[in-house]
């Protein structure tokens, strides 16, 4: 899905983020979608997820289905 993400979004970083700078930021989009970007590159690429895809991704992370970094 193509979205115009050049508009002002309300970005936030998790309170679980460390101080090492390896973080992502998320922002709500219309229709309950979510935008995600690298906090070190705020003008860089932005991914957008539908509500269902975002929920599935978070569930897979919580269950350890994506492996470890």
PDB file of N, CA and C in Angstrom:
ATOM      1  N   UNK A   1       0.842  -1.168   0.000  1.00  0.00           N
ATOM      2  CA  UNK A   1       0.000   0.000   0.000  1.00  0.00           C
ATOM      3  C   UNK A   1       0.891   1.237   0.000  1.00  0.00           C
ATOM      4  N   UNK A   2       0.613   2.175  -0.886  1.00  0.00           N
ATOM      5  CA  UNK A   2       1.372   3.414  -0.959  1.00  0.00           C
ATOM      6  C   UNK A   2       0.682   4.480  -0.127  1.00  0.00           C
ATOM      7  N   UNK A   3       1.448   5.130   0.715  1.00  0.00           N
ATOM      8  CA  UNK A   3       0.921   6.189   1.579  1.00  0.00           C
ATOM      9  C   UNK A   3       1.849   7.388   1.489  1.00  0.00           C
ATOM     10  N   UNK A   4       1.296   8.574   1.692  1.00  0.00           N
ATOM     11  CA  UNK A   4       2.111   9.767   1.788  1.00  0.00           C
ATOM     12  C   UNK A   4       2.535   9.915   3.241  1.00  0.00           C
ATOM     13  N   UNK A   5       3.782   9.566   3.537  1.00  0.00           N
ATOM     14  CA  UNK A   5       4.267   9.627   4.902  1.00  0.00           C
ATOM     15  C   UNK A   5       5.128  10.861   5.145  1.00  0.00           C
ATOM     16  N   UNK A   6       5.047  11.839   4.248  1.00  0.00           N
ATOM     17  CA  UNK A   6       5.792  13.081   4.417  1.00  0.00           C
ATOM     18  C   UNK A   6       5.042  14.076   5.283  1.00  0.00           C
ATOM     19  N   UNK A   7       3.884  13.698   5.775  1.00  0.00           N
ATOM     20  CA  UNK A   7       3.123  14.580   6.645  1.00  0.00           C
ATOM     21  C   UNK A   7       3.663  14.480   8.064  1.00  0.00           C
ATOM     22  N   UNK A   8       3.307  15.413   8.882  1.00  0.00           N
ATOM     23  CA  UNK A   8       3.764  15.395  10.284  1.00  0.00           C
ATOM     24  C   UNK A   8       3.054  14.269  11.030  1.00  0.00           C
ATOM     25  N   UNK A   9       3.834  13.330  11.527  1.00  0.00           N
ATOM     26  CA  UNK A   9       3.290  12.208  12.284  1.00  0.00           C
ATOM     27  C   UNK A   9       3.726  12.337  13.741  1.00  0.00           C
ATOM     28  N   UNK A  10       2.991  11.714  14.617  1.00  0.00           N
ATOM     29  CA  UNK A  10       3.302  11.721  16.044  1.00  0.00           C
ATOM     30  C   UNK A  10       4.159  10.486  16.374  1.00  0.00           C
ATOM     31  N   UNK A  11       5.465  10.603  16.159  1.00  0.00           N
ATOM     32  CA  UNK A  11       6.381   9.485  16.372  1.00  0.00           C
ATOM     33  C   UNK A  11       6.643   9.283  17.862  1.00  0.00           C
ATOM     34  N   UNK A  12       6.796   8.001  18.256  1.00  0.00           N
ATOM     35  CA  UNK A  12       7.168   7.699  19.636  1.00  0.00           C
ATOM     36  C   UNK A  12       8.108   6.501  19.645  1.00  0.00           C
ATOM     37  N   UNK A  13       8.923   6.466  20.683  1.00  0.00           N
ATOM     38  CA  UNK A  13       9.878   5.386  20.867  1.00  0.00           C
ATOM     39  C   UNK A  13       9.475   4.613  22.118  1.00  0.00           C
ATOM     40  N   UNK A  14       9.666   3.330  22.101  1.00  0.00           N
ATOM     41  CA  UNK A  14       9.307   2.500  23.248  1.00  0.00           C
ATOM     42  C   UNK A  14      10.093   2.907  24.487  1.00  0.00           C
ATOM     43  N   UNK A  15       9.448   2.811  25.634  1.00  0.00           N
ATOM     44  CA  UNK A  15      10.150   3.058  26.891  1.00  0.00           C
ATOM     45  C   UNK A  15      11.147   1.938  27.179  1.00  0.00           C
ATOM     46  N   UNK A  16      11.055   0.829  26.455  1.00  0.00           N
ATOM     47  CA  UNK A  16      11.997  -0.269  26.604  1.00  0.00           C
ATOM     48  C   UNK A  16      13.260  -0.070  25.769  1.00  0.00           C
ATOM     49  N   UNK A  17      13.292   0.973  24.953  1.00  0.00           N
ATOM     50  CA  UNK A  17      14.446   1.231  24.097  1.00  0.00           C
ATOM     51  C   UNK A  17      15.669   1.544  24.938  1.00  0.00           C
ATOM     52  N   UNK A  18      16.792   1.021  24.503  1.00  0.00           N
ATOM     53  CA  UNK A  18      18.039   1.278  25.218  1.00  0.00           C
ATOM     54  C   UNK A  18      18.634   2.623  24.842  1.00  0.00           C
ATOM     55  N   UNK A  19      19.713   2.959  25.461  1.00  0.00           N
ATOM     56  CA  UNK A  19      20.385   4.225  25.201  1.00  0.00           C
ATOM     57  C   UNK A  19      21.423   4.094  24.095  1.00  0.00           C
ATOM     58  N   UNK A  20      21.561   2.909  23.501  1.00  0.00           N
ATOM     59  CA  UNK A  20      22.560   2.693  22.463  1.00  0.00           C
ATOM     60  C   UNK A  20      22.124   3.195  21.094  1.00  0.00           C
ATOM     61  N   UNK A  21      20.892   3.641  20.957  1.00  0.00           N
ATOM     62  CA  UNK A  21      20.421   4.206  19.699  1.00  0.00           C
ATOM     63  C   UNK A  21      19.856   3.203  18.719  1.00  0.00           C
ATOM     64  N   UNK A  22      19.835   1.928  19.061  1.00  0.00           N
ATOM     65  CA  UNK A  22      19.291   0.909  18.168  1.00  0.00           C
ATOM     66  C   UNK A  22      17.796   0.764  18.424  1.00  0.00           C
ATOM     67  N   UNK A  23      17.034   1.700  17.902  1.00  0.00           N
ATOM     68  CA  UNK A  23      15.606   1.744  18.204  1.00  0.00           C
ATOM     69  C   UNK A  23      14.795   1.962  16.934  1.00  0.00           C
ATOM     70  N   UNK A  24      13.544   1.626  17.025  1.00  0.00           N
ATOM     71  CA  UNK A  24      12.593   2.017  15.996  1.00  0.00           C
ATOM     72  C   UNK A  24      11.576   2.942  16.640  1.00  0.00           C
ATOM     73  N   UNK A  25      10.969   3.770  15.814  1.00  0.00           N
ATOM     74  CA  UNK A  25       9.906   4.652  16.260  1.00  0.00           C
ATOM     75  C   UNK A  25       8.641   4.259  15.511  1.00  0.00           C
ATOM     76  N   UNK A  26       7.513   4.423  16.154  1.00  0.00           N
ATOM     77  CA  UNK A  26       6.234   4.109  15.531  1.00  0.00           C
ATOM     78  C   UNK A  26       5.329   5.329  15.593  1.00  0.00           C
ATOM     79  N   UNK A  27       4.416   5.392  14.634  1.00  0.00           N
ATOM     80  CA  UNK A  27       3.438   6.481  14.596  1.00  0.00           C
ATOM     81  C   UNK A  27       2.121   5.925  14.064  1.00  0.00           C
ATOM     82  N   UNK A  28       1.021   6.343  14.655  1.00  0.00           N
ATOM     83  CA  UNK A  28      -0.275   5.881  14.157  1.00  0.00           C
ATOM     84  C   UNK A  28      -0.608   6.541  12.823  1.00  0.00           C
ATOM     85  N   UNK A  29      -1.244   5.777  11.952  1.00  0.00           N
ATOM     86  CA  UNK A  29      -1.743   6.274  10.676  1.00  0.00           C
ATOM     87  C   UNK A  29      -3.260   6.116  10.661  1.00  0.00           C
ATOM     88  N   UNK A  30      -3.888   6.666   9.659  1.00  0.00           N
ATOM     89  CA  UNK A  30      -5.338   6.497   9.552  1.00  0.00           C
ATOM     90  C   UNK A  30      -5.682   5.036   9.345  1.00  0.00           C
ATOM     91  N   UNK A  31      -6.890   4.673   9.607  1.00  0.00           N
ATOM     92  CA  UNK A  31      -7.377   3.295   9.461  1.00  0.00           C
ATOM     93  C   UNK A  31      -6.639   2.312  10.362  1.00  0.00           C
ATOM     94  N   UNK A  32      -6.136   2.777  11.505  1.00  0.00           N
ATOM     95  CA  UNK A  32      -5.450   1.941  12.497  1.00  0.00           C
ATOM     96  C   UNK A  32      -4.147   1.342  12.001  1.00  0.00           C
ATOM     97  N   UNK A  33      -3.593   1.850  10.913  1.00  0.00           N
ATOM     98  CA  UNK A  33      -2.301   1.378  10.418  1.00  0.00           C
ATOM     99  C   UNK A  33      -1.195   1.999  11.269  1.00  0.00           C
ATOM    100  N   UNK A  34       0.039   1.480  11.102  1.00  0.00           N
ATOM    101  CA  UNK A  34       1.182   1.939  11.887  1.00  0.00           C
ATOM    102  C   UNK A  34       2.357   2.196  10.951  1.00  0.00           C
ATOM    103  N   UNK A  35       3.038   3.324  11.158  1.00  0.00           N
ATOM    104  CA  UNK A  35       4.269   3.637  10.431  1.00  0.00           C
ATOM    105  C   UNK A  35       5.441   3.315  11.345  1.00  0.00           C
ATOM    106  N   UNK A  36       6.537   2.812  10.772  1.00  0.00           N
ATOM    107  CA  UNK A  36       7.718   2.429  11.539  1.00  0.00           C
ATOM    108  C   UNK A  36       8.951   2.972  10.824  1.00  0.00           C
ATOM    109  N   UNK A  37       9.884   3.549  11.606  1.00  0.00           N
ATOM    110  CA  UNK A  37      11.139   4.042  11.034  1.00  0.00           C
ATOM    111  C   UNK A  37      12.288   3.809  12.012  1.00  0.00           C
ATOM    112  N   UNK A  38      13.500   3.889  11.502  1.00  0.00           N
ATOM    113  CA  UNK A  38      14.714   3.773  12.312  1.00  0.00           C
ATOM    114  C   UNK A  38      14.944   5.115  13.002  1.00  0.00           C
ATOM    115  N   UNK A  39      15.091   5.106  14.313  1.00  0.00           N
ATOM    116  CA  UNK A  39      15.257   6.363  15.049  1.00  0.00           C
ATOM    117  C   UNK A  39      16.553   7.083  14.695  1.00  0.00           C
ATOM    118  N   UNK A  40      17.545   6.353  14.179  1.00  0.00           N
ATOM    119  CA  UNK A  40      18.806   6.987  13.788  1.00  0.00           C
ATOM    120  C   UNK A  40      18.712   7.669  12.429  1.00  0.00           C
ATOM    121  N   UNK A  41      17.666   7.376  11.668  1.00  0.00           N
ATOM    122  CA  UNK A  41      17.504   7.944  10.320  1.00  0.00           C
ATOM    123  C   UNK A  41      16.075   8.450  10.150  1.00  0.00           C
ATOM    124  N   UNK A  42      15.700   9.499  10.881  1.00  0.00           N
ATOM    125  CA  UNK A  42      14.312   9.960  10.840  1.00  0.00           C
ATOM    126  C   UNK A  42      13.839  10.446   9.469  1.00  0.00           C
ATOM    127  N   UNK A  43      14.762  10.781   8.588  1.00  0.00           N
ATOM    128  CA  UNK A  43      14.373  11.188   7.229  1.00  0.00           C
ATOM    129  C   UNK A  43      14.515  10.046   6.224  1.00  0.00           C
ATOM    130  N   UNK A  44      14.850   8.870   6.750  1.00  0.00           N
ATOM    131  CA  UNK A  44      15.037   7.699   5.901  1.00  0.00           C
ATOM    132  C   UNK A  44      13.727   7.019   5.572  1.00  0.00           C
ATOM    133  N   UNK A  45      13.802   5.784   5.089  1.00  0.00           N
ATOM    134  CA  UNK A  45      12.601   5.062   4.682  1.00  0.00           C
ATOM    135  C   UNK A  45      11.655   4.791   5.859  1.00  0.00           C
ATOM    136  N   UNK A  46      10.389   4.720   5.526  1.00  0.00           N
ATOM    137  CA  UNK A  46       9.336   4.432   6.507  1.00  0.00           C
ATOM    138  C   UNK A  46       8.542   3.236   6.005  1.00  0.00           C
ATOM    139  N   UNK A  47       8.329   2.263   6.879  1.00  0.00           N
ATOM    140  CA  UNK A  47       7.477   1.118   6.563  1.00  0.00           C
ATOM    141  C   UNK A  47       6.093   1.387   7.121  1.00  0.00           C
ATOM    142  N   UNK A  48       5.075   0.903   6.440  1.00  0.00           N
ATOM    143  CA  UNK A  48       3.723   0.998   6.993  1.00  0.00           C
ATOM    144  C   UNK A  48       3.117  -0.401   7.055  1.00  0.00           C
ATOM    145  N   UNK A  49       2.413  -0.652   8.141  1.00  0.00           N
ATOM    146  CA  UNK A  49       1.783  -1.941   8.396  1.00  0.00           C
ATOM    147  C   UNK A  49       0.295  -1.735   8.636  1.00  0.00           C
ATOM    148  N   UNK A  50      -0.513  -2.629   8.109  1.00  0.00           N
ATOM    149  CA  UNK A  50      -1.931  -2.621   8.469  1.00  0.00           C
ATOM    150  C   UNK A  50      -2.031  -3.014   9.939  1.00  0.00           C
ATOM    151  N   UNK A  51      -3.163  -2.757  10.537  1.00  0.00           N
ATOM    152  CA  UNK A  51      -3.360  -3.134  11.937  1.00  0.00           C
ATOM    153  C   UNK A  51      -3.151  -4.636  12.131  1.00  0.00           C
ATOM    154  N   UNK A  52      -3.660  -5.444  11.217  1.00  0.00           N
ATOM    155  CA  UNK A  52      -3.542  -6.899  11.324  1.00  0.00           C
ATOM    156  C   UNK A  52      -2.091  -7.349  11.188  1.00  0.00           C
ATOM    157  N   UNK A  53      -1.357  -6.765  10.243  1.00  0.00           N
ATOM    158  CA  UNK A  53       0.047  -7.142  10.043  1.00  0.00           C
ATOM    159  C   UNK A  53       0.895  -6.725  11.237  1.00  0.00           C
ATOM    160  N   UNK A  54       0.648  -5.534  11.799  1.00  0.00           N
ATOM    161  CA  UNK A  54       1.394  -5.052  12.952  1.00  0.00           C
ATOM    162  C   UNK A  54       1.146  -5.958  14.166  1.00  0.00           C
ATOM    163  N   UNK A  55      -0.105  -6.306  14.392  1.00  0.00           N
ATOM    164  CA  UNK A  55      -0.457  -7.187  15.510  1.00  0.00           C
ATOM    165  C   UNK A  55       0.213  -8.547  15.348  1.00  0.00           C
ATOM    166  N   UNK A  56       0.222  -9.083  14.131  1.00  0.00           N
ATOM    167  CA  UNK A  56       0.858 -10.380  13.875  1.00  0.00           C
ATOM    168  C   UNK A  56       2.373 -10.295  14.096  1.00  0.00           C
ATOM    169  N   UNK A  57       2.999  -9.216  13.658  1.00  0.00           N
ATOM    170  CA  UNK A  57       4.437  -9.046  13.848  1.00  0.00           C
ATOM    171  C   UNK A  57       4.775  -8.994  15.341  1.00  0.00           C
ATOM    172  N   UNK A  58       4.056  -8.195  16.100  1.00  0.00           N
ATOM    173  CA  UNK A  58       4.307  -8.102  17.539  1.00  0.00           C
ATOM    174  C   UNK A  58       4.093  -9.445  18.234  1.00  0.00           C
ATOM    175  N   UNK A  59       3.081 -10.182  17.814  1.00  0.00           N
ATOM    176  CA  UNK A  59       2.822 -11.501  18.383  1.00  0.00           C
ATOM    177  C   UNK A  59       3.979 -12.448  18.098  1.00  0.00           C
ATOM    178  N   UNK A  60       4.485 -12.437  16.858  1.00  0.00           N
ATOM    179  CA  UNK A  60       5.611 -13.300  16.499  1.00  0.00           C
ATOM    180  C   UNK A  60       6.867 -12.929  17.285  1.00  0.00           C
ATOM    181  N   UNK A  61       7.086 -11.644  17.507  1.00  0.00           N
ATOM    182  CA  UNK A  61       8.235 -11.208  18.304  1.00  0.00           C
ATOM    183  C   UNK A  61       8.089 -11.711  19.733  1.00  0.00           C
ATOM    184  N   UNK A  62       6.909 -11.509  20.318  1.00  0.00           N
ATOM    185  CA  UNK A  62       6.666 -11.953  21.695  1.00  0.00           C
ATOM    186  C   UNK A  62       6.877 -13.450  21.865  1.00  0.00           C
ATOM    187  N   UNK A  63       6.533 -14.220  20.859  1.00  0.00           N
ATOM    188  CA  UNK A  63       6.641 -15.679  20.947  1.00  0.00           C
ATOM    189  C   UNK A  63       7.994 -16.210  20.499  1.00  0.00           C
ATOM    190  N   UNK A  64       8.906 -15.316  20.116  1.00  0.00           N
ATOM    191  CA  UNK A  64      10.244 -15.738  19.706  1.00  0.00           C
ATOM    192  C   UNK A  64      10.292 -16.426  18.365  1.00  0.00           C
ATOM    193  N   UNK A  65       9.321 -16.187  17.517  1.00  0.00           N
ATOM    194  CA  UNK A  65       9.243 -16.863  16.219  1.00  0.00           C
ATOM    195  C   UNK A  65      10.185 -16.285  15.172  1.00  0.00           C
ATOM    196  N   UNK A  66      10.800 -15.152  15.454  1.00  0.00           N
ATOM    197  CA  UNK A  66      11.640 -14.505  14.450  1.00  0.00           C
ATOM    198  C   UNK A  66      13.127 -14.732  14.684  1.00  0.00           C
ATOM    199  N   UNK A  67      13.474 -15.523  15.662  1.00  0.00           N
ATOM    200  CA  UNK A  67      14.875 -15.783  15.959  1.00  0.00           C
ATOM    201  C   UNK A  67      15.464 -14.648  16.781  1.00  0.00           C
ATOM    202  N   UNK A  68      16.773 -14.696  16.961  1.00  0.00           N
ATOM    203  CA  UNK A  68      17.447 -13.655  17.730  1.00  0.00           C
ATOM    204  C   UNK A  68      18.436 -12.918  16.849  1.00  0.00           C
ATOM    205  N   UNK A  69      18.686 -11.684  17.220  1.00  0.00           N
ATOM    206  CA  UNK A  69      19.601 -10.844  16.434  1.00  0.00           C
ATOM    207  C   UNK A  69      21.022 -11.028  16.900  1.00  0.00           C
TER     208      UNK A  69
END
